[in-house]
Amino acid sequence: DPFPDDERLLNFNGPSRNHSDNVFVNFVAQHDFGDWSVRSLTGYDKS
């Protein structure tokens, strides 16, 4: 590395990418019933 003491300067020839795509769908259903409760959580995720 010709610039070992300068972190600002790089010297690479290869590709550089950090690409991503993400979609998600969540469904939450919730109901109280006195002291009792029930809850449903449904999730879908794609990346």
All heavy atoms as atom14 arrays in JSON, in Angstrom:
{
  "sequence": "DPFPDDERLLNFNGPSRNHSDNVFVNFVAQHDFGDWSVRSLTGYDKS",
  "atom14_mask": [
    [1, 1, 1, 1, 1, 1, 1, 1, 0, 0, 0, 0, 0, 0],
    [1, 1, 1, 1, 1, 1, 1, 0, 0, 0, 0, 0, 0, 0],
    [1, 1, 1, 1, 1, 1, 1, 1, 1, 1, 1, 0, 0, 0],
    [1, 1, 1, 1, 1, 1, 1, 0, 0, 0, 0, 0, 0, 0],
    [1, 1, 1, 1, 1, 1, 1, 1, 0, 0, 0, 0, 0, 0],
    [1, 1, 1, 1, 1, 1, 1, 1, 0, 0, 0, 0, 0, 0],
    [1, 1, 1, 1, 1, 1, 1, 1, 1, 0, 0, 0, 0, 0],
    [1, 1, 1, 1, 1, 1, 1, 1, 1, 1, 1, 0, 0, 0],
    [1, 1, 1, 1, 1, 1, 1, 1, 0, 0, 0, 0, 0, 0],
    [1, 1, 1, 1, 1, 1, 1, 1, 0, 0, 0, 0, 0, 0],
    [1, 1, 1, 1, 1, 1, 1, 1, 0, 0, 0, 0, 0, 0],
    [1, 1, 1, 1, 1, 1, 1, 1, 1, 1, 1, 0, 0, 0],
    [1, 1, 1, 1, 1, 1, 1, 1, 0, 0, 0, 0, 0, 0],
    [1, 1, 1, 1, 0, 0, 0, 0, 0, 0, 0, 0, 0, 0],
    [1, 1, 1, 1, 1, 1, 1, 0, 0, 0, 0, 0, 0, 0],
    [1, 1, 1, 1, 1, 1, 0, 0, 0, 0, 0, 0, 0, 0],
    [1, 1, 1, 1, 1, 1, 1, 1, 1, 1, 1, 0, 0, 0],
    [1, 1, 1, 1, 1, 1, 1, 1, 0, 0, 0, 0, 0, 0],
    [1, 1, 1, 1, 1, 1, 1, 1, 1, 1, 0, 0, 0, 0],
    [1, 1, 1, 1, 1, 1, 0, 0, 0, 0, 0, 0, 0, 0],
    [1, 1, 1, 1, 1, 1, 1, 1, 0, 0, 0, 0, 0, 0],
    [1, 1, 1, 1, 1, 1, 1, 1, 0, 0, 0, 0, 0, 0],
    [1, 1, 1, 1, 1, 1, 1, 0, 0, 0, 0, 0, 0, 0],
    [1, 1, 1, 1, 1, 1, 1, 1, 1, 1, 1, 0, 0, 0],
    [1, 1, 1, 1, 1, 1, 1, 0, 0, 0, 0, 0, 0, 0],
    [1, 1, 1, 1, 1, 1, 1, 1, 0, 0, 0, 0, 0, 0],
    [1, 1, 1, 1, 1, 1, 1, 1, 1, 1, 1, 0, 0, 0],
    [1, 1, 1, 1, 1, 1, 1, 0, 0, 0, 0, 0, 0, 0],
    [1, 1, 1, 1, 1, 0, 0, 0, 0, 0, 0, 0, 0, 0],
    [1, 1, 1, 1, 1, 1, 1, 1, 1, 0, 0, 0, 0, 0],
    [1, 1, 1, 1, 1, 1, 1, 1, 1, 1, 0, 0, 0, 0],
    [1, 1, 1, 1, 1, 1, 1, 1, 0, 0, 0, 0, 0, 0],
    [1, 1, 1, 1, 1, 1, 1, 1, 1, 1, 1, 0, 0, 0],
    [1, 1, 1, 1, 0, 0, 0, 0, 0, 0, 0, 0, 0, 0],
    [1, 1, 1, 1, 1, 1, 1, 1, 0, 0, 0, 0, 0, 0],
    [1, 1, 1, 1, 1, 1, 1, 1, 1, 1, 1, 1, 1, 1],
    [1, 1, 1, 1, 1, 1, 0, 0, 0, 0, 0, 0, 0, 0],
    [1, 1, 1, 1, 1, 1, 1, 0, 0, 0, 0, 0, 0, 0],
    [1, 1, 1, 1, 1, 1, 1, 1, 1, 1, 1, 0, 0, 0],
    [1, 1, 1, 1, 1, 1, 0, 0, 0, 0, 0, 0, 0, 0],
    [1, 1, 1, 1, 1, 1, 1, 1, 0, 0, 0, 0, 0, 0],
    [1, 1, 1, 1, 1, 1, 1, 0, 0, 0, 0, 0, 0, 0],
    [1, 1, 1, 1, 0, 0, 0, 0, 0, 0, 0, 0, 0, 0],
    [1, 1, 1, 1, 1, 1, 1, 1, 1, 1, 1, 1, 0, 0],
    [1, 1, 1, 1, 1, 1, 1, 1, 0, 0, 0, 0, 0, 0],
    [1, 1, 1, 1, 1, 1, 1, 1, 1, 0, 0, 0, 0, 0],
    [1, 1, 1, 1, 1, 1, 0, 0, 0, 0, 0, 0, 0, 0]
  ],
  "atom14_positions": [
    [[0.84, -1.19, 0.0], [0.0, 0.0, 0.0], [0.88, 1.25, 0.0], [1.66, 1.46, 0.93], [-0.9, -0.01, 1.24], [-1.85, 1.17, 1.29], [-1.89, 1.97, 0.33], [-2.57, 1.31, 2.3], [0.0, 0.0, 0.0], [0.0, 0.0, 0.0], [0.0, 0.0, 0.0], [0.0, 0.0, 0.0], [0.0, 0.0, 0.0], [0.0, 0.0, 0.0]],
    [[0.78, 2.11, -1.04], [1.64, 3.3, -1.08], [1.22, 4.39, -0.1], [1.95, 5.36, 0.08], [1.51, 3.77, -2.53], [0.19, 3.27, -2.98], [-0.04, 1.97, -2.25], [0.0, 0.0, 0.0], [0.0, 0.0, 0.0], [0.0, 0.0, 0.0], [0.0, 0.0, 0.0], [0.0, 0.0, 0.0], [0.0, 0.0, 0.0], [0.0, 0.0, 0.0]],
    [[0.04, 4.23, 0.53], [-0.45, 5.26, 1.46], [-0.85, 4.61, 2.79], [-2.01, 4.71, 3.22], [-1.65, 6.0, 0.85], [-1.53, 6.24, -0.63], [-2.24, 5.46, -1.54], [-0.7, 7.24, -1.11], [-2.13, 5.67, -2.9], [-0.59, 7.46, -2.48], [-1.3, 6.68, -3.38], [0.0, 0.0, 0.0], [0.0, 0.0, 0.0], [0.0, 0.0, 0.0]],
    [[0.07, 3.95, 3.46], [-0.31, 3.17, 4.64], [-0.81, 4.0, 5.81], [-1.55, 3.49, 6.66], [0.98, 2.43, 5.0], [2.07, 3.29, 4.45], [1.52, 3.88, 3.2], [0.0, 0.0, 0.0], [0.0, 0.0, 0.0], [0.0, 0.0, 0.0], [0.0, 0.0, 0.0], [0.0, 0.0, 0.0], [0.0, 0.0, 0.0], [0.0, 0.0, 0.0]],
    [[-0.44, 5.28, 5.86], [-0.79, 6.11, 7.01], [-1.93, 7.08, 6.7], [-2.21, 7.98, 7.5], [0.44, 6.9, 7.49], [1.57, 5.98, 7.93], [1.27, 4.95, 8.55], [2.74, 6.29, 7.62], [0.0, 0.0, 0.0], [0.0, 0.0, 0.0], [0.0, 0.0, 0.0], [0.0, 0.0, 0.0], [0.0, 0.0, 0.0], [0.0, 0.0, 0.0]],
    [[-2.57, 6.93, 5.56], [-3.66, 7.83, 5.19], [-4.89, 6.99, 4.87], [-5.01, 6.43, 3.77], [-3.26, 8.69, 3.99], [-4.23, 9.84, 3.74], [-5.37, 9.76, 4.25], [-3.85, 10.8, 3.05], [0.0, 0.0, 0.0], [0.0, 0.0, 0.0], [0.0, 0.0, 0.0], [0.0, 0.0, 0.0], [0.0, 0.0, 0.0], [0.0, 0.0, 0.0]],
    [[-5.8, 6.89, 5.82], [-6.99, 6.05, 5.64], [-7.93, 6.59, 4.57], [-8.85, 5.9, 4.13], [-7.73, 5.87, 6.97], [-8.6, 7.03, 7.41], [-7.81, 8.19, 8.0], [-6.57, 8.07, 8.1], [-8.43, 9.19, 8.37], [0.0, 0.0, 0.0], [0.0, 0.0, 0.0], [0.0, 0.0, 0.0], [0.0, 0.0, 0.0], [0.0, 0.0, 0.0]],
    [[-7.73, 7.84, 4.14], [-8.6, 8.41, 3.1], [-8.33, 7.81, 1.74], [-9.21, 7.78, 0.88], [-8.39, 9.92, 3.01], [-8.66, 10.7, 4.28], [-8.21, 12.14, 4.08], [-6.79, 12.21, 3.75], [-6.19, 13.29, 3.25], [-6.89, 14.37, 2.98], [-4.88, 13.27, 3.0], [0.0, 0.0, 0.0], [0.0, 0.0, 0.0], [0.0, 0.0, 0.0]],
    [[-7.1, 7.35, 1.49], [-6.67, 6.97, 0.15], [-6.67, 5.45, 0.0], [-5.98, 4.73, 0.73], [-5.27, 7.53, -0.13], [-5.15, 9.06, -0.1], [-3.73, 9.49, -0.39], [-6.13, 9.71, -1.08], [0.0, 0.0, 0.0], [0.0, 0.0, 0.0], [0.0, 0.0, 0.0], [0.0, 0.0, 0.0], [0.0, 0.0, 0.0], [0.0, 0.0, 0.0]],
    [[-7.46, 4.98, -0.97], [-7.51, 3.57, -1.31], [-6.89, 3.38, -2.69], [-6.65, 4.35, -3.42], [-8.97, 3.08, -1.29], [-9.76, 3.37, 0.0], [-11.19, 2.88, -0.16], [-9.1, 2.73, 1.21], [0.0, 0.0, 0.0], [0.0, 0.0, 0.0], [0.0, 0.0, 0.0], [0.0, 0.0, 0.0], [0.0, 0.0, 0.0], [0.0, 0.0, 0.0]],
    [[-6.7, 2.1, -3.08], [-6.02, 1.86, -4.36], [-6.43, 0.48, -4.89], [-5.6, -0.38, -5.13], [-4.5, 1.94, -4.18], [-3.77, 2.0, -5.51], [-4.25, 2.6, -6.46], [-2.59, 1.38, -5.56], [0.0, 0.0, 0.0], [0.0, 0.0, 0.0], [0.0, 0.0, 0.0], [0.0, 0.0, 0.0], [0.0, 0.0, 0.0], [0.0, 0.0, 0.0]],
    [[-7.74, 0.28, -5.11], [-8.23, -1.04, -5.5], [-8.75, -1.02, -6.94], [-9.26, -0.02, -7.43], [-9.33, -1.51, -4.54], [-10.57, -0.66, -4.54], [-11.64, -0.96, -5.36], [-10.68, 0.45, -3.7], [-12.79, -0.18, -5.36], [-11.82, 1.23, -3.69], [-12.88, 0.92, -4.52], [0.0, 0.0, 0.0], [0.0, 0.0, 0.0], [0.0, 0.0, 0.0]],
    [[-8.64, -2.18, -7.59], [-9.05, -2.28, -8.99], [-10.36, -3.01, -9.19], [-10.97, -2.95, -10.26], [-7.97, -3.01, -9.8], [-7.89, -4.49, -9.42], [-7.94, -4.84, -8.24], [-7.77, -5.36, -10.41], [0.0, 0.0, 0.0], [0.0, 0.0, 0.0], [0.0, 0.0, 0.0], [0.0, 0.0, 0.0], [0.0, 0.0, 0.0], [0.0, 0.0, 0.0]],
    [[-10.8, -3.76, -8.2], [-11.97, -4.62, -8.36], [-13.28, -3.89, -8.23], [-13.34, -2.69, -7.92], [0.0, 0.0, 0.0], [0.0, 0.0, 0.0], [0.0, 0.0, 0.0], [0.0, 0.0, 0.0], [0.0, 0.0, 0.0], [0.0, 0.0, 0.0], [0.0, 0.0, 0.0], [0.0, 0.0, 0.0], [0.0, 0.0, 0.0], [0.0, 0.0, 0.0]],
    [[-14.39, -4.59, -8.45], [-15.71, -3.98, -8.31], [-16.02, -3.7, -6.85], [-15.47, -4.33, -5.94], [-16.65, -5.05, -8.88], [-15.91, -6.34, -8.66], [-14.46, -6.01, -8.82], [0.0, 0.0, 0.0], [0.0, 0.0, 0.0], [0.0, 0.0, 0.0], [0.0, 0.0, 0.0], [0.0, 0.0, 0.0], [0.0, 0.0, 0.0], [0.0, 0.0, 0.0]],
    [[-16.89, -2.74, -6.63], [-17.29, -2.39, -5.26], [-18.77, -2.03, -5.27], [-19.16, -0.99, -5.8], [-16.47, -1.2, -4.73], [-16.93, -0.8, -3.47], [0.0, 0.0, 0.0], [0.0, 0.0, 0.0], [0.0, 0.0, 0.0], [0.0, 0.0, 0.0], [0.0, 0.0, 0.0], [0.0, 0.0, 0.0], [0.0, 0.0, 0.0], [0.0, 0.0, 0.0]],
    [[-19.58, -2.89, -4.73], [-21.01, -2.58, -4.63], [-21.61, -3.29, -3.42], [-21.19, -4.38, -3.04], [-21.76, -2.95, -5.9], [-21.68, -4.4, -6.32], [-22.46, -4.64, -7.63], [-22.39, -6.02, -8.05], [-21.45, -6.52, -8.85], [-20.49, -5.73, -9.32], [-21.46, -7.81, -9.18], [0.0, 0.0, 0.0], [0.0, 0.0, 0.0], [0.0, 0.0, 0.0]],
    [[-22.59, -2.64, -2.86], [-23.31, -3.16, -1.69], [-24.8, -2.98, -2.0], [-25.48, -2.17, -1.4], [-22.9, -2.39, -0.44], [-23.48, -3.0, 0.82], [-23.71, -4.2, 0.89], [-23.75, -2.16, 1.83], [0.0, 0.0, 0.0], [0.0, 0.0, 0.0], [0.0, 0.0, 0.0], [0.0, 0.0, 0.0], [0.0, 0.0, 0.0], [0.0, 0.0, 0.0]],
    [[-25.28, -3.74, -2.95], [-26.62, -3.57, -3.49], [-27.59, -4.57, -2.86], [-27.26, -5.75, -2.7], [-26.62, -3.75, -5.0], [-25.83, -2.72, -5.75], [-25.73, -2.7, -7.12], [-25.11, -1.66, -5.31], [-24.97, -1.67, -7.49], [-24.58, -1.03, -6.4], [0.0, 0.0, 0.0], [0.0, 0.0, 0.0], [0.0, 0.0, 0.0], [0.0, 0.0, 0.0]],
    [[-28.77, -4.1, -2.57], [-29.79, -4.99, -2.02], [-31.17, -4.41, -2.28], [-31.35, -3.19, -2.42], [-29.59, -5.21, -0.52], [-29.78, -4.0, 0.2], [0.0, 0.0, 0.0], [0.0, 0.0, 0.0], [0.0, 0.0, 0.0], [0.0, 0.0, 0.0], [0.0, 0.0, 0.0], [0.0, 0.0, 0.0], [0.0, 0.0, 0.0], [0.0, 0.0, 0.0]],
    [[-32.15, -5.31, -2.35], [-33.57, -4.96, -2.45], [-34.32, -5.8, -1.44], [-34.05, -7.0, -1.3], [-34.11, -5.21, -3.86], [-33.46, -4.33, -4.91], [-33.82, -3.16, -4.99], [-32.56, -4.83, -5.63], [0.0, 0.0, 0.0], [0.0, 0.0, 0.0], [0.0, 0.0, 0.0], [0.0, 0.0, 0.0], [0.0, 0.0, 0.0], [0.0, 0.0, 0.0]],
    [[-35.27, -5.19, -0.77], [-36.01, -5.89, 0.28], [-37.47, -5.45, 0.27], [-37.76, -4.25, 0.13], [-35.38, -5.6, 1.65], [-36.19, -6.13, 2.81], [-36.61, -5.38, 3.67], [-36.44, -7.43, 2.84], [0.0, 0.0, 0.0], [0.0, 0.0, 0.0], [0.0, 0.0, 0.0], [0.0, 0.0, 0.0], [0.0, 0.0, 0.0], [0.0, 0.0, 0.0]],
    [[-38.38, -6.41, 0.37], [-39.8, -6.11, 0.55], [-40.31, -6.96, 1.71], [-39.83, -8.07, 1.94], [-40.62, -6.4, -0.72], [-40.22, -5.47, -1.85], [-40.49, -7.85, -1.16], [0.0, 0.0, 0.0], [0.0, 0.0, 0.0], [0.0, 0.0, 0.0], [0.0, 0.0, 0.0], [0.0, 0.0, 0.0], [0.0, 0.0, 0.0], [0.0, 0.0, 0.0]],
    [[-41.28, -6.43, 2.44], [-41.84, -7.19, 3.55], [-43.31, -6.82, 3.74], [-43.75, -5.71, 3.42], [-41.05, -6.94, 4.85], [-41.06, -5.52, 5.33], [-42.01, -5.06, 6.23], [-40.1, -4.62, 4.88], [-42.0, -3.75, 6.67], [-40.08, -3.31, 5.31], [-41.03, -2.87, 6.22], [0.0, 0.0, 0.0], [0.0, 0.0, 0.0], [0.0, 0.0, 0.0]],
    [[-44.05, -7.79, 4.26], [-45.47, -7.61, 4.57], [-45.72, -8.24, 5.94], [-45.39, -9.42, 6.15], [-46.38, -8.28, 3.52], [-47.84, -8.07, 3.88], [-46.09, -7.74, 2.13], [0.0, 0.0, 0.0], [0.0, 0.0, 0.0], [0.0, 0.0, 0.0], [0.0, 0.0, 0.0], [0.0, 0.0, 0.0], [0.0, 0.0, 0.0], [0.0, 0.0, 0.0]],
    [[-46.28, -7.47, 6.85], [-46.63, -7.98, 8.18], [-48.11, -7.74, 8.43], [-48.66, -6.7, 8.05], [-45.84, -7.26, 9.29], [-44.35, -7.48, 9.17], [-43.89, -8.42, 8.53], [-43.58, -6.61, 9.79], [0.0, 0.0, 0.0], [0.0, 0.0, 0.0], [0.0, 0.0, 0.0], [0.0, 0.0, 0.0], [0.0, 0.0, 0.0], [0.0, 0.0, 0.0]],
    [[-48.76, -8.71, 9.07], [-50.16, -8.53, 9.47], [-50.29, -8.91, 10.94], [-49.9, -10.01, 11.36], [-51.08, -9.41, 8.62], [-52.53, -9.25, 8.98], [-53.24, -8.12, 8.6], [-53.19, -10.23, 9.71], [-54.57, -7.96, 8.93], [-54.52, -10.08, 10.06], [-55.22, -8.95, 9.66], [0.0, 0.0, 0.0], [0.0, 0.0, 0.0], [0.0, 0.0, 0.0]],
    [[-50.83, -7.99, 11.73], [-51.01, -8.2, 13.16], [-52.5, -8.05, 13.49], [-53.12, -7.04, 13.13], [-50.2, -7.19, 14.0], [-50.43, -7.42, 15.49], [-48.72, -7.29, 13.66], [0.0, 0.0, 0.0], [0.0, 0.0, 0.0], [0.0, 0.0, 0.0], [0.0, 0.0, 0.0], [0.0, 0.0, 0.0], [0.0, 0.0, 0.0], [0.0, 0.0, 0.0]],
    [[-53.05, -9.05, 14.13], [-54.45, -9.03, 14.57], [-54.48, -9.23, 16.08], [-53.85, -10.14, 16.6], [-55.25, -10.12, 13.87], [0.0, 0.0, 0.0], [0.0, 0.0, 0.0], [0.0, 0.0, 0.0], [0.0, 0.0, 0.0], [0.0, 0.0, 0.0], [0.0, 0.0, 0.0], [0.0, 0.0, 0.0], [0.0, 0.0, 0.0], [0.0, 0.0, 0.0]],
    [[-55.25, -8.39, 16.76], [-55.2, -8.37, 18.22], [-56.59, -8.02, 18.77], [-57.29, -7.15, 18.23], [-54.15, -7.35, 18.62], [-54.21, -6.79, 19.97], [-53.0, -5.9, 20.25], [-51.9, -6.13, 19.74], [-53.2, -4.89, 21.03], [0.0, 0.0, 0.0], [0.0, 0.0, 0.0], [0.0, 0.0, 0.0], [0.0, 0.0, 0.0], [0.0, 0.0, 0.0]],
    [[-56.99, -8.75, 19.82], [-58.3, -8.52, 20.44], [-58.22, -8.82, 21.92], [-57.67, -9.87, 22.32], [-59.36, -9.41, 19.77], [-60.73, -9.22, 20.32], [-61.52, -8.12, 20.02], [-61.47, -9.99, 21.15], [-62.67, -8.23, 20.65], [-62.67, -9.35, 21.34], [0.0, 0.0, 0.0], [0.0, 0.0, 0.0], [0.0, 0.0, 0.0], [0.0, 0.0, 0.0]],
    [[-58.77, -7.93, 22.75], [-58.82, -8.12, 24.2], [-60.18, -8.7, 24.57], [-61.21, -8.36, 23.99], [-58.63, -6.79, 24.92], [-57.31, -6.12, 24.56], [-56.37, -6.86, 24.22], [-57.24, -4.88, 24.59], [0.0, 0.0, 0.0], [0.0, 0.0, 0.0], [0.0, 0.0, 0.0], [0.0, 0.0, 0.0], [0.0, 0.0, 0.0], [0.0, 0.0, 0.0]],
    [[-60.15, -9.56, 25.59], [-61.39, -10.23, 26.02], [-61.34, -10.38, 27.53], [-60.99, -11.41, 28.06], [-61.5, -11.59, 25.33], [-62.84, -12.23, 25.44], [-63.89, -11.81, 24.65], [-63.06, -13.26, 26.35], [-65.13, -12.41, 24.76], [-64.29, -13.86, 26.47], [-65.34, -13.44, 25.66], [0.0, 0.0, 0.0], [0.0, 0.0, 0.0], [0.0, 0.0, 0.0]],
    [[-61.65, -9.28, 28.24], [-61.52, -9.28, 29.69], [-60.07, -9.42, 30.09], [-59.2, -8.68, 29.62], [0.0, 0.0, 0.0], [0.0, 0.0, 0.0], [0.0, 0.0, 0.0], [0.0, 0.0, 0.0], [0.0, 0.0, 0.0], [0.0, 0.0, 0.0], [0.0, 0.0, 0.0], [0.0, 0.0, 0.0], [0.0, 0.0, 0.0], [0.0, 0.0, 0.0]],
    [[-59.79, -10.39, 30.98], [-58.42, -10.64, 31.39], [-57.63, -11.43, 30.35], [-56.42, -11.58, 30.49], [-58.4, -11.41, 32.72], [-58.94, -10.58, 33.88], [-58.92, -9.34, 33.77], [-59.4, -11.18, 34.86], [0.0, 0.0, 0.0], [0.0, 0.0, 0.0], [0.0, 0.0, 0.0], [0.0, 0.0, 0.0], [0.0, 0.0, 0.0], [0.0, 0.0, 0.0]],
    [[-58.34, -11.94, 29.35], [-57.69, -12.76, 28.32], [-57.45, -11.95, 27.06], [-58.16, -10.99, 26.77], [-58.56, -13.98, 28.0], [-58.68, -14.94, 29.12], [-59.6, -14.91, 30.13], [-57.85, -16.06, 29.36], [-59.4, -15.96, 30.99], [-58.32, -16.69, 30.54], [-56.75, -16.62, 28.71], [-57.73, -17.83, 31.06], [-56.17, -17.76, 29.22], [-56.65, -18.36, 30.39]],
    [[-56.47, -12.39, 26.31], [-56.16, -11.74, 25.04], [-55.59, -12.77, 24.09], [-55.0, -13.76, 24.52], [-55.14, -10.61, 25.21], [-55.47, -9.76, 26.26], [0.0, 0.0, 0.0], [0.0, 0.0, 0.0], [0.0, 0.0, 0.0], [0.0, 0.0, 0.0], [0.0, 0.0, 0.0], [0.0, 0.0, 0.0], [0.0, 0.0, 0.0], [0.0, 0.0, 0.0]],
    [[-55.75, -12.52, 22.79], [-55.12, -13.36, 21.79], [-54.56, -12.46, 20.71], [-55.09, -11.39, 20.41], [-56.08, -14.4, 21.19], [-57.17, -13.76, 20.38], [-55.32, -15.43, 20.38], [0.0, 0.0, 0.0], [0.0, 0.0, 0.0], [0.0, 0.0, 0.0], [0.0, 0.0, 0.0], [0.0, 0.0, 0.0], [0.0, 0.0, 0.0], [0.0, 0.0, 0.0]],
    [[-53.44, -12.89, 20.13], [-52.75, -12.07, 19.14], [-52.15, -12.96, 18.05], [-51.64, -14.05, 18.35], [-51.64, -11.27, 19.81], [-51.05, -10.17, 18.95], [-49.97, -9.44, 19.71], [-49.56, -8.22, 19.03], [-48.33, -7.74, 19.02], [-47.38, -8.39, 19.66], [-48.04, -6.63, 18.39], [0.0, 0.0, 0.0], [0.0, 0.0, 0.0], [0.0, 0.0, 0.0]],
    [[-52.23, -12.5, 16.82], [-51.65, -13.22, 15.7], [-50.67, -12.31, 14.98], [-50.98, -11.14, 14.71], [-52.74, -13.68, 14.73], [-52.18, -14.15, 13.52], [0.0, 0.0, 0.0], [0.0, 0.0, 0.0], [0.0, 0.0, 0.0], [0.0, 0.0, 0.0], [0.0, 0.0, 0.0], [0.0, 0.0, 0.0], [0.0, 0.0, 0.0], [0.0, 0.0, 0.0]],
    [[-49.49, -12.83, 14.66], [-48.48, -12.09, 13.91], [-48.06, -12.91, 12.7], [-47.58, -14.03, 12.85], [-47.25, -11.79, 14.77], [-47.45, -10.96, 16.03], [-47.46, -11.87, 17.26], [-46.35, -9.93, 16.18], [0.0, 0.0, 0.0], [0.0, 0.0, 0.0], [0.0, 0.0, 0.0], [0.0, 0.0, 0.0], [0.0, 0.0, 0.0], [0.0, 0.0, 0.0]],
    [[-48.27, -12.36, 11.52], [-47.93, -13.02, 10.28], [-46.91, -12.16, 9.54], [-47.1, -10.94, 9.43], [-49.17, -13.21, 9.39], [-50.19, -13.87, 10.14], [-48.84, -14.03, 8.16], [0.0, 0.0, 0.0], [0.0, 0.0, 0.0], [0.0, 0.0, 0.0], [0.0, 0.0, 0.0], [0.0, 0.0, 0.0], [0.0, 0.0, 0.0], [0.0, 0.0, 0.0]],
    [[-45.85, -12.78, 9.05], [-44.81, -11.98, 8.38], [-44.26, -12.66, 7.15], [-44.09, -13.88, 7.11], [0.0, 0.0, 0.0], [0.0, 0.0, 0.0], [0.0, 0.0, 0.0], [0.0, 0.0, 0.0], [0.0, 0.0, 0.0], [0.0, 0.0, 0.0], [0.0, 0.0, 0.0], [0.0, 0.0, 0.0], [0.0, 0.0, 0.0], [0.0, 0.0, 0.0]],
    [[-43.99, -11.84, 6.13], [-43.33, -12.3, 4.9], [-42.21, -11.32, 4.59], [-42.39, -10.1, 4.68], [-44.32, -12.36, 3.74], [-43.64, -12.57, 2.39], [-43.18, -13.82, 2.01], [-43.44, -11.49, 1.52], [-42.54, -14.01, 0.79], [-42.81, -11.68, 0.3], [-42.35, -12.93, -0.07], [-41.72, -13.12, -1.26], [0.0, 0.0, 0.0], [0.0, 0.0, 0.0]],
    [[-41.05, -11.86, 4.2], [-39.9, -11.01, 3.89], [-39.14, -11.62, 2.73], [-38.94, -12.84, 2.67], [-38.99, -10.91, 5.13], [-37.83, -9.96, 4.92], [-36.84, -10.36, 4.27], [-37.9, -8.83, 5.43], [0.0, 0.0, 0.0], [0.0, 0.0, 0.0], [0.0, 0.0, 0.0], [0.0, 0.0, 0.0], [0.0, 0.0, 0.0], [0.0, 0.0, 0.0]],
    [[-38.73, -10.77, 1.8], [-37.92, -11.21, 0.66], [-36.77, -10.24, 0.46], [-36.98, -9.02, 0.48], [-38.75, -11.3, -0.62], [-37.92, -11.67, -1.86], [-38.77, -11.87, -3.08], [-37.94, -12.05, -4.34], [-36.89, -13.08, -4.21], [0.0, 0.0, 0.0], [0.0, 0.0, 0.0], [0.0, 0.0, 0.0], [0.0, 0.0, 0.0], [0.0, 0.0, 0.0]],
    [[-35.57, -10.77, 0.25], [-34.41, -9.91, 0.02], [-33.57, -10.48, -1.13], [-33.49, -11.7, -1.32], [-33.54, -9.81, 1.28], [-32.99, -11.08, 1.61], [0.0, 0.0, 0.0], [0.0, 0.0, 0.0], [0.0, 0.0, 0.0], [0.0, 0.0, 0.0], [0.0, 0.0, 0.0], [0.0, 0.0, 0.0], [0.0, 0.0, 0.0], [0.0, 0.0, 0.0]]
  ]
}
